């Protein structure tokens, strides 16, 4: 029986064992790719790695193993050296023809790895400001503060400065105003400091500061600086509260915020 079995194997065309081996390699690589992708996903989840980055790394690992399995399977039938070289030339040609798309693709990978911002954060990037909705391989989608949906190519984001408002734990609010020339400036300073003292999220360190800096046309101009905890309030809300409180406090103390005055001479 064994002799007849081996005789049967020897009688098969040479390509049949190669087909069997190639299929075994391909399906083995398919099983291995799925297994390693799930394993990598669990490991990254335990380390609290960003969800989009986990998907990207999983896909790269999966398709890398599949490609290796396919090339190894084809190696059972012919020399794959020329085939790989042809793929390289083809890939270079396609990459050159689609360089803008490839540039955005590479930029998307860099953004997912470096993570200058995450989904749900408020940022300013490529001249646009808004909340990040999705970070894709080629584009980033955000909603601006007027509610419009903006889709920005990743290459534009990566090649420009990025301001992340959400990751800053504290931010400085700058508020310029002017008071009348005949006002008591020390009294005005203390009135303003008292008015902003109970703004939600106001930080005591650095302490609020007021700087008189300009002799304006109808007022002494000054700038109010104070820092806020962004976990408690945002800069726009803090500035809105500050303006209201300062105006009310100055009115109670009889300190005017003058209108611009122009003197017009009419020659008869």
C-alpha atoms as a PDB file:
ATOM      1  CA  UNK A   1       0.000   0.000   0.000  1.00  0.00           C
ATOM      2  CA  UNK A   2       2.668   2.633   0.837  1.00  0.00           C
ATOM      3  CA  UNK A   3       4.516   1.733  -2.321  1.00  0.00           C
ATOM      4  CA  UNK A   4       1.398   2.238  -4.426  1.00  0.00           C
ATOM      5  CA  UNK A   5       0.711   5.543  -2.608  1.00  0.00           C
ATOM      6  CA  UNK A   6       4.147   6.939  -3.336  1.00  0.00           C
ATOM      7  CA  UNK A   7       3.938   5.680  -6.889  1.00  0.00           C
ATOM      8  CA  UNK A   8       0.680   7.602  -7.220  1.00  0.00           C
ATOM      9  CA  UNK A   9       2.322  10.775  -5.913  1.00  0.00           C
ATOM     10  CA  UNK A  10       5.252  10.342  -8.269  1.00  0.00           C
ATOM     11  CA  UNK A  11       2.891   9.858 -11.215  1.00  0.00           C
ATOM     12  CA  UNK A  12       1.257  13.254 -10.673  1.00  0.00           C
ATOM     13  CA  UNK A  13       2.385  16.146 -12.855  1.00  0.00           C
ATOM     14  CA  UNK A  14       5.032  18.298 -11.101  1.00  0.00           C
ATOM     15  CA  UNK A  15       2.694  21.287 -11.005  1.00  0.00           C
ATOM     16  CA  UNK A  16       0.123  19.554  -8.766  1.00  0.00           C
ATOM     17  CA  UNK A  17       2.275  19.502  -5.598  1.00  0.00           C
ATOM     18  CA  UNK A  18       3.250  23.093  -6.320  1.00  0.00           C
ATOM     19  CA  UNK A  19      -0.406  24.095  -6.533  1.00  0.00           C
ATOM     20  CA  UNK A  20      -1.120  22.319  -3.265  1.00  0.00           C
ATOM     21  CA  UNK A  21       1.869  23.994  -1.581  1.00  0.00           C
ATOM     22  CA  UNK A  22       0.966  27.424  -2.997  1.00  0.00           C
ATOM     23  CA  UNK A  23      -2.607  27.118  -1.727  1.00  0.00           C
ATOM     24  CA  UNK A  24      -1.339  25.984   1.652  1.00  0.00           C
ATOM     25  CA  UNK A  25       0.993  28.997   1.854  1.00  0.00           C
ATOM     26  CA  UNK A  26      -1.716  31.431   0.755  1.00  0.00           C
ATOM     27  CA  UNK A  27      -4.410  30.221   3.149  1.00  0.00           C
ATOM     28  CA  UNK A  28      -1.807  29.911   5.901  1.00  0.00           C
ATOM     29  CA  UNK A  29      -0.800  33.557   5.382  1.00  0.00           C
ATOM     30  CA  UNK A  30      -4.481  34.540   5.364  1.00  0.00           C
ATOM     31  CA  UNK A  31      -5.061  32.797   8.690  1.00  0.00           C
ATOM     32  CA  UNK A  32      -1.846  34.234  10.147  1.00  0.00           C
ATOM     33  CA  UNK A  33      -2.738  37.778   8.985  1.00  0.00           C
ATOM     34  CA  UNK A  34      -6.156  37.638  10.657  1.00  0.00           C
ATOM     35  CA  UNK A  35      -4.737  36.159  13.837  1.00  0.00           C
ATOM     36  CA  UNK A  36      -1.930  38.723  14.144  1.00  0.00           C
ATOM     37  CA  UNK A  37      -4.278  41.607  13.333  1.00  0.00           C
ATOM     38  CA  UNK A  38      -6.630  40.598  16.164  1.00  0.00           C
ATOM     39  CA  UNK A  39      -3.680  40.093  18.502  1.00  0.00           C
ATOM     40  CA  UNK A  40      -2.239  43.506  17.623  1.00  0.00           C
ATOM     41  CA  UNK A  41      -5.654  45.142  18.098  1.00  0.00           C
ATOM     42  CA  UNK A  42      -5.963  43.669  21.614  1.00  0.00           C
ATOM     43  CA  UNK A  43      -2.441  44.768  22.535  1.00  0.00           C
ATOM     44  CA  UNK A  44      -2.996  48.335  21.295  1.00  0.00           C
ATOM     45  CA  UNK A  45      -6.359  48.515  23.066  1.00  0.00           C
ATOM     46  CA  UNK A  46      -4.723  47.571  26.378  1.00  0.00           C
ATOM     47  CA  UNK A  47      -2.157  50.335  25.842  1.00  0.00           C
ATOM     48  CA  UNK A  48      -4.962  52.841  25.096  1.00  0.00           C
ATOM     49  CA  UNK A  49      -3.580  53.612  21.632  1.00  0.00           C
ATOM     50  CA  UNK A  50      -5.745  55.881  19.466  1.00  0.00           C
ATOM     51  CA  UNK A  51      -8.528  53.986  17.650  1.00  0.00           C
ATOM     52  CA  UNK A  52      -7.667  55.324  14.186  1.00  0.00           C
ATOM     53  CA  UNK A  53      -4.002  54.433  14.628  1.00  0.00           C
ATOM     54  CA  UNK A  54      -4.926  50.910  15.745  1.00  0.00           C
ATOM     55  CA  UNK A  55      -6.967  50.408  12.571  1.00  0.00           C
ATOM     56  CA  UNK A  56      -4.129  51.734  10.393  1.00  0.00           C
ATOM     57  CA  UNK A  57      -1.459  49.509  11.964  1.00  0.00           C
ATOM     58  CA  UNK A  58      -3.778  46.510  11.802  1.00  0.00           C
ATOM     59  CA  UNK A  59      -4.461  47.033   8.098  1.00  0.00           C
ATOM     60  CA  UNK A  60      -0.784  47.526   7.286  1.00  0.00           C
ATOM     61  CA  UNK A  61       0.122  44.313   9.129  1.00  0.00           C
ATOM     62  CA  UNK A  62      -2.745  42.376   7.532  1.00  0.00           C
ATOM     63  CA  UNK A  63      -2.062  43.352   3.938  1.00  0.00           C
ATOM     64  CA  UNK A  64       1.698  43.084   4.400  1.00  0.00           C
ATOM     65  CA  UNK A  65       1.376  39.411   5.398  1.00  0.00           C
ATOM     66  CA  UNK A  66      -1.121  38.746   2.593  1.00  0.00           C
ATOM     67  CA  UNK A  67       1.234  40.286   0.019  1.00  0.00           C
ATOM     68  CA  UNK A  68       4.139  38.214   1.348  1.00  0.00           C
ATOM     69  CA  UNK A  69       1.992  35.065   1.144  1.00  0.00           C
ATOM     70  CA  UNK A  70       0.948  35.780  -2.439  1.00  0.00           C
ATOM     71  CA  UNK A  71       4.510  36.419  -3.599  1.00  0.00           C
ATOM     72  CA  UNK A  72       5.753  33.283  -1.823  1.00  0.00           C
ATOM     73  CA  UNK A  73       2.943  31.235  -3.414  1.00  0.00           C
ATOM     74  CA  UNK A  74       3.796  32.531  -6.872  1.00  0.00           C
ATOM     75  CA  UNK A  75       7.415  31.569  -6.217  1.00  0.00           C
ATOM     76  CA  UNK A  76       6.362  27.912  -6.454  1.00  0.00           C
ATOM     77  CA  UNK A  77       5.706  28.370 -10.171  1.00  0.00           C
ATOM     78  CA  UNK A  78       8.285  30.865 -11.434  1.00  0.00           C
ATOM     79  CA  UNK A  79      11.088  33.158 -10.399  1.00  0.00           C
ATOM     80  CA  UNK A  80       9.395  36.106  -8.729  1.00  0.00           C
ATOM     81  CA  UNK A  81      12.455  38.365  -8.896  1.00  0.00           C
ATOM     82  CA  UNK A  82      11.443  39.845 -12.240  1.00  0.00           C
ATOM     83  CA  UNK A  83       7.841  40.004 -11.056  1.00  0.00           C
ATOM     84  CA  UNK A  84       8.774  41.996  -7.946  1.00  0.00           C
ATOM     85  CA  UNK A  85      10.969  44.293 -10.037  1.00  0.00           C
ATOM     86  CA  UNK A  86       8.047  44.849 -12.408  1.00  0.00           C
ATOM     87  CA  UNK A  87       5.777  45.657  -9.492  1.00  0.00           C
ATOM     88  CA  UNK A  88       8.358  48.137  -8.250  1.00  0.00           C
ATOM     89  CA  UNK A  89       8.503  49.911 -11.612  1.00  0.00           C
ATOM     90  CA  UNK A  90       4.711  49.870 -11.862  1.00  0.00           C
ATOM     91  CA  UNK A  91       4.387  51.216  -8.335  1.00  0.00           C
ATOM     92  CA  UNK A  92       6.877  53.993  -9.085  1.00  0.00           C
ATOM     93  CA  UNK A  93       4.974  54.958 -12.237  1.00  0.00           C
ATOM     94  CA  UNK A  94       1.620  54.968 -10.468  1.00  0.00           C
ATOM     95  CA  UNK A  95       3.088  56.855  -7.515  1.00  0.00           C
ATOM     96  CA  UNK A  96       4.532  59.527  -9.815  1.00  0.00           C
ATOM     97  CA  UNK A  97       1.229  59.901 -11.650  1.00  0.00           C
ATOM     98  CA  UNK A  98      -0.722  60.071  -8.363  1.00  0.00           C
ATOM     99  CA  UNK A  99       1.830  61.967  -6.303  1.00  0.00           C
ATOM    100  CA  UNK A 100      -0.768  64.304  -4.783  1.00  0.00           C
ATOM    101  CA  UNK A 101      -2.848  61.361  -3.566  1.00  0.00           C
ATOM    102  CA  UNK A 102       0.234  59.551  -2.290  1.00  0.00           C
ATOM    103  CA  UNK A 103       1.409  62.727  -0.563  1.00  0.00           C
ATOM    104  CA  UNK A 104      -1.907  62.999   1.254  1.00  0.00           C
ATOM    105  CA  UNK A 105      -1.774  59.279   2.085  1.00  0.00           C
ATOM    106  CA  UNK A 106       1.677  59.548   3.649  1.00  0.00           C
ATOM    107  CA  UNK A 107       0.635  62.726   5.476  1.00  0.00           C
ATOM    108  CA  UNK A 108      -2.400  60.878   6.863  1.00  0.00           C
ATOM    109  CA  UNK A 109      -0.176  58.112   8.229  1.00  0.00           C
ATOM    110  CA  UNK A 110       2.116  60.680   9.869  1.00  0.00           C
ATOM    111  CA  UNK A 111      -0.868  62.479  11.436  1.00  0.00           C
ATOM    112  CA  UNK A 112      -2.240  59.217  12.839  1.00  0.00           C
ATOM    113  CA  UNK A 113       1.153  58.272  14.270  1.00  0.00           C
ATOM    114  CA  UNK A 114       2.192  61.672  15.672  1.00  0.00           C
ATOM    115  CA  UNK A 115      -1.360  62.583  16.786  1.00  0.00           C
ATOM    116  CA  UNK A 116      -1.097  66.396  16.909  1.00  0.00           C
ATOM    117  CA  UNK A 117      -4.878  66.292  17.436  1.00  0.00           C
ATOM    118  CA  UNK A 118      -7.612  63.729  18.027  1.00  0.00           C
ATOM    119  CA  UNK A 119     -11.241  63.391  17.002  1.00  0.00           C
ATOM    120  CA  UNK A 120     -13.447  65.780  18.974  1.00  0.00           C
ATOM    121  CA  UNK A 121     -10.732  68.373  19.660  1.00  0.00           C
ATOM    122  CA  UNK A 122     -10.889  72.036  18.616  1.00  0.00           C
ATOM    123  CA  UNK A 123      -7.983  72.964  16.354  1.00  0.00           C
ATOM    124  CA  UNK A 124      -6.785  75.493  13.818  1.00  0.00           C
ATOM    125  CA  UNK A 125      -5.105  73.849  10.833  1.00  0.00           C
ATOM    126  CA  UNK A 126      -4.377  74.900   7.248  1.00  0.00           C
ATOM    127  CA  UNK A 127      -6.130  78.219   7.892  1.00  0.00           C
ATOM    128  CA  UNK A 128      -9.358  76.625   9.178  1.00  0.00           C
ATOM    129  CA  UNK A 129     -10.686  76.453  12.735  1.00  0.00           C
ATOM    130  CA  UNK A 130     -13.187  73.955  14.068  1.00  0.00           C
ATOM    131  CA  UNK A 131     -13.843  70.612  15.724  1.00  0.00           C
ATOM    132  CA  UNK A 132     -12.207  67.496  14.238  1.00  0.00           C
ATOM    133  CA  UNK A 133     -14.825  64.952  13.128  1.00  0.00           C
ATOM    134  CA  UNK A 134     -12.764  62.246  11.405  1.00  0.00           C
ATOM    135  CA  UNK A 135      -9.134  61.624  10.501  1.00  0.00           C
ATOM    136  CA  UNK A 136      -8.922  59.556   7.327  1.00  0.00           C
ATOM    137  CA  UNK A 137      -5.923  58.307   5.384  1.00  0.00           C
ATOM    138  CA  UNK A 138      -6.249  61.029   2.721  1.00  0.00           C
ATOM    139  CA  UNK A 139      -8.287  63.824   4.325  1.00  0.00           C
ATOM    140  CA  UNK A 140      -9.327  65.252   7.677  1.00  0.00           C
ATOM    141  CA  UNK A 141     -12.912  66.340   8.206  1.00  0.00           C
ATOM    142  CA  UNK A 142     -13.843  69.094  10.634  1.00  0.00           C
ATOM    143  CA  UNK A 143     -16.829  71.239  11.507  1.00  0.00           C
ATOM    144  CA  UNK A 144     -16.022  74.936  11.772  1.00  0.00           C
ATOM    145  CA  UNK A 145     -17.512  77.126  14.479  1.00  0.00           C
ATOM    146  CA  UNK A 146     -20.250  78.257  12.064  1.00  0.00           C
ATOM    147  CA  UNK A 147     -21.375  74.658  11.555  1.00  0.00           C
ATOM    148  CA  UNK A 148     -19.927  74.130   8.071  1.00  0.00           C
ATOM    149  CA  UNK A 149     -18.257  70.812   7.237  1.00  0.00           C
ATOM    150  CA  UNK A 150     -14.727  71.247   5.868  1.00  0.00           C
ATOM    151  CA  UNK A 151     -12.680  68.453   4.272  1.00  0.00           C
ATOM    152  CA  UNK A 152      -8.968  69.273   4.194  1.00  0.00           C
ATOM    153  CA  UNK A 153      -6.249  67.240   2.410  1.00  0.00           C
ATOM    154  CA  UNK A 154      -3.823  65.886   4.988  1.00  0.00           C
ATOM    155  CA  UNK A 155      -0.792  67.236   3.114  1.00  0.00           C
ATOM    156  CA  UNK A 156      -2.064  70.805   3.617  1.00  0.00           C
ATOM    157  CA  UNK A 157      -2.510  70.197   7.346  1.00  0.00           C
ATOM    158  CA  UNK A 158       0.932  68.666   7.764  1.00  0.00           C
ATOM    159  CA  UNK A 159       2.688  71.419   5.812  1.00  0.00           C
ATOM    160  CA  UNK A 160       1.158  74.223   7.911  1.00  0.00           C
ATOM    161  CA  UNK A 161       1.171  75.132  11.574  1.00  0.00           C
ATOM    162  CA  UNK A 162      -1.389  73.388  13.800  1.00  0.00           C
ATOM    163  CA  UNK A 163      -2.947  75.006  16.861  1.00  0.00           C
ATOM    164  CA  UNK A 164      -4.664  72.620  19.251  1.00  0.00           C
ATOM    165  CA  UNK A 165      -7.004  74.476  21.595  1.00  0.00           C
ATOM    166  CA  UNK A 166      -8.305  71.389  23.391  1.00  0.00           C
ATOM    167  CA  UNK A 167      -4.962  70.045  24.578  1.00  0.00           C
ATOM    168  CA  UNK A 168      -4.018  73.312  26.298  1.00  0.00           C
ATOM    169  CA  UNK A 169      -4.863  73.044  29.998  1.00  0.00           C
ATOM    170  CA  UNK A 170      -4.807  76.824  30.431  1.00  0.00           C
ATOM    171  CA  UNK A 171      -5.150  79.735  28.021  1.00  0.00           C
ATOM    172  CA  UNK A 172      -4.601  83.479  28.311  1.00  0.00           C
ATOM    173  CA  UNK A 173      -7.464  85.855  27.551  1.00  0.00           C
ATOM    174  CA  UNK A 174      -6.536  89.294  26.191  1.00  0.00           C
ATOM    175  CA  UNK A 175      -9.145  92.060  26.498  1.00  0.00           C
ATOM    176  CA  UNK A 176      -8.373  95.666  25.383  1.00  0.00           C
ATOM    177  CA  UNK A 177     -10.515  98.578  26.643  1.00  0.00           C
ATOM    178  CA  UNK A 178     -10.174 102.328  27.178  1.00  0.00           C
ATOM    179  CA  UNK A 179     -11.148 104.645  30.048  1.00  0.00           C
ATOM    180  CA  UNK A 180     -11.565 108.412  30.151  1.00  0.00           C
ATOM    181  CA  UNK A 181      -8.586 110.685  30.771  1.00  0.00           C
ATOM    182  CA  UNK A 182     -10.054 112.162  33.935  1.00  0.00           C
ATOM    183  CA  UNK A 183     -10.690 108.745  35.570  1.00  0.00           C
ATOM    184  CA  UNK A 184      -8.693 107.575  38.587  1.00  0.00           C
ATOM    185  CA  UNK A 185      -6.484 104.957  36.972  1.00  0.00           C
ATOM    186  CA  UNK A 186      -5.627 103.111  40.186  1.00  0.00           C
ATOM    187  CA  UNK A 187      -9.306 102.938  41.055  1.00  0.00           C
ATOM    188  CA  UNK A 188     -10.101 101.694  37.545  1.00  0.00           C
ATOM    189  CA  UNK A 189      -7.417  99.013  37.804  1.00  0.00           C
ATOM    190  CA  UNK A 190      -8.732  97.696  41.113  1.00  0.00           C
ATOM    191  CA  UNK A 191     -12.345  97.832  39.915  1.00  0.00           C
ATOM    192  CA  UNK A 192     -11.506  95.723  36.884  1.00  0.00           C
ATOM    193  CA  UNK A 193      -9.533  93.179  38.938  1.00  0.00           C
ATOM    194  CA  UNK A 194     -12.407  92.844  41.398  1.00  0.00           C
ATOM    195  CA  UNK A 195     -14.893  92.444  38.547  1.00  0.00           C
ATOM    196  CA  UNK A 196     -13.093  89.521  36.899  1.00  0.00           C
ATOM    197  CA  UNK A 197     -12.177  87.771  40.165  1.00  0.00           C
ATOM    198  CA  UNK A 198     -15.158  85.402  40.087  1.00  0.00           C
ATOM    199  CA  UNK A 199     -15.021  84.422  36.401  1.00  0.00           C
ATOM    200  CA  UNK A 200     -15.405  80.604  36.224  1.00  0.00           C
ATOM    201  CA  UNK A 201     -12.026  78.938  35.732  1.00  0.00           C
ATOM    202  CA  UNK A 202      -9.974  82.076  36.452  1.00  0.00           C
ATOM    203  CA  UNK A 203      -6.447  81.119  37.520  1.00  0.00           C
ATOM    204  CA  UNK A 204      -4.745  82.897  40.397  1.00  0.00           C
ATOM    205  CA  UNK A 205      -1.318  81.898  39.080  1.00  0.00           C
ATOM    206  CA  UNK A 206      -0.401  83.583  36.782  1.00  0.00           C
ATOM    207  CA  UNK A 207      -2.297  86.428  38.394  1.00  0.00           C
ATOM    208  CA  UNK A 208      -4.473  88.747  36.273  1.00  0.00           C
ATOM    209  CA  UNK A 209      -2.599  91.772  34.992  1.00  0.00           C
ATOM    210  CA  UNK A 210      -3.561  95.163  33.572  1.00  0.00           C
ATOM    211  CA  UNK A 211      -1.227  97.244  31.411  1.00  0.00           C
ATOM    212  CA  UNK A 212      -1.861 100.902  30.478  1.00  0.00           C
ATOM    213  CA  UNK A 213      -0.091 101.424  27.169  1.00  0.00           C
ATOM    214  CA  UNK A 214      -1.551 104.087  24.835  1.00  0.00           C
ATOM    215  CA  UNK A 215      -2.737 107.695  24.933  1.00  0.00           C
ATOM    216  CA  UNK A 216      -5.697 107.293  22.596  1.00  0.00           C
ATOM    217  CA  UNK A 217      -7.641 109.974  20.812  1.00  0.00           C
ATOM    218  CA  UNK A 218     -10.374 110.018  23.453  1.00  0.00           C
ATOM    219  CA  UNK A 219      -9.233 107.525  26.089  1.00  0.00           C
ATOM    220  CA  UNK A 220      -6.353 105.976  27.967  1.00  0.00           C
ATOM    221  CA  UNK A 221      -6.057 102.525  26.432  1.00  0.00           C
ATOM    222  CA  UNK A 222      -5.246  99.490  28.530  1.00  0.00           C
ATOM    223  CA  UNK A 223      -5.184  95.719  28.091  1.00  0.00           C
ATOM    224  CA  UNK A 224      -6.419  93.137  30.590  1.00  0.00           C
ATOM    225  CA  UNK A 225      -4.608  89.793  30.731  1.00  0.00           C
ATOM    226  CA  UNK A 226      -5.886  86.796  32.667  1.00  0.00           C
ATOM    227  CA  UNK A 227      -5.556  83.015  32.459  1.00  0.00           C
ATOM    228  CA  UNK A 228      -8.357  80.445  32.579  1.00  0.00           C
ATOM    229  CA  UNK A 229      -8.615  76.713  33.165  1.00  0.00           C
ATOM    230  CA  UNK A 230      -9.951  75.300  29.888  1.00  0.00           C
ATOM    231  CA  UNK A 231     -11.553  72.370  31.726  1.00  0.00           C
ATOM    232  CA  UNK A 232     -13.914  74.824  33.444  1.00  0.00           C
ATOM    233  CA  UNK A 233     -14.563  77.417  30.744  1.00  0.00           C
ATOM    234  CA  UNK A 234     -13.514  78.333  27.217  1.00  0.00           C
ATOM    235  CA  UNK A 235     -11.844  81.621  26.148  1.00  0.00           C
ATOM    236  CA  UNK A 236     -14.896  82.989  24.316  1.00  0.00           C
ATOM    237  CA  UNK A 237     -17.193  82.435  27.291  1.00  0.00           C
ATOM    238  CA  UNK A 238     -14.609  83.891  29.677  1.00  0.00           C
ATOM    239  CA  UNK A 239     -14.196  87.011  27.528  1.00  0.00           C
ATOM    240  CA  UNK A 240     -17.971  87.428  27.258  1.00  0.00           C
ATOM    241  CA  UNK A 241     -18.370  87.237  31.048  1.00  0.00           C
ATOM    242  CA  UNK A 242     -15.425  89.597  31.582  1.00  0.00           C
ATOM    243  CA  UNK A 243     -16.799  92.298  29.268  1.00  0.00           C
ATOM    244  CA  UNK A 244     -20.202  92.215  30.980  1.00  0.00           C
ATOM    245  CA  UNK A 245     -18.788  92.310  34.507  1.00  0.00           C
ATOM    246  CA  UNK A 246     -16.236  95.048  33.742  1.00  0.00           C
ATOM    247  CA  UNK A 247     -18.824  97.289  32.079  1.00  0.00           C
ATOM    248  CA  UNK A 248     -21.208  96.898  35.036  1.00  0.00           C
ATOM    249  CA  UNK A 249     -18.467  97.494  37.616  1.00  0.00           C
ATOM    250  CA  UNK A 250     -17.093 100.608  35.871  1.00  0.00           C
ATOM    251  CA  UNK A 251     -20.580 102.083  35.555  1.00  0.00           C
ATOM    252  CA  UNK A 252     -21.177 101.603  39.287  1.00  0.00           C
ATOM    253  CA  UNK A 253     -17.910 103.396  40.089  1.00  0.00           C
ATOM    254  CA  UNK A 254     -18.674 106.248  37.677  1.00  0.00           C
ATOM    255  CA  UNK A 255     -15.711 105.401  35.432  1.00  0.00           C
ATOM    256  CA  UNK A 256     -16.512 106.108  31.806  1.00  0.00           C
ATOM    257  CA  UNK A 257     -15.532 104.114  28.741  1.00  0.00           C
ATOM    258  CA  UNK A 258     -15.617 107.115  26.365  1.00  0.00           C
ATOM    259  CA  UNK A 259     -16.850 107.253  22.817  1.00  0.00           C
ATOM    260  CA  UNK A 260     -14.393 108.406  20.149  1.00  0.00           C
ATOM    261  CA  UNK A 261     -14.550 112.209  19.935  1.00  0.00           C
ATOM    262  CA  UNK A 262     -13.796 114.252  16.833  1.00  0.00           C
ATOM    263  CA  UNK A 263     -13.653 118.055  16.694  1.00  0.00           C
ATOM    264  CA  UNK A 264     -14.857 119.563  13.431  1.00  0.00           C
ATOM    265  CA  UNK A 265     -13.895 123.141  12.505  1.00  0.00           C
ATOM    266  CA  UNK A 266     -16.056 124.801   9.868  1.00  0.00           C
ATOM    267  CA  UNK A 267     -14.560 127.876   8.214  1.00  0.00           C
ATOM    268  CA  UNK A 268     -17.089 130.551   7.312  1.00  0.00           C
END
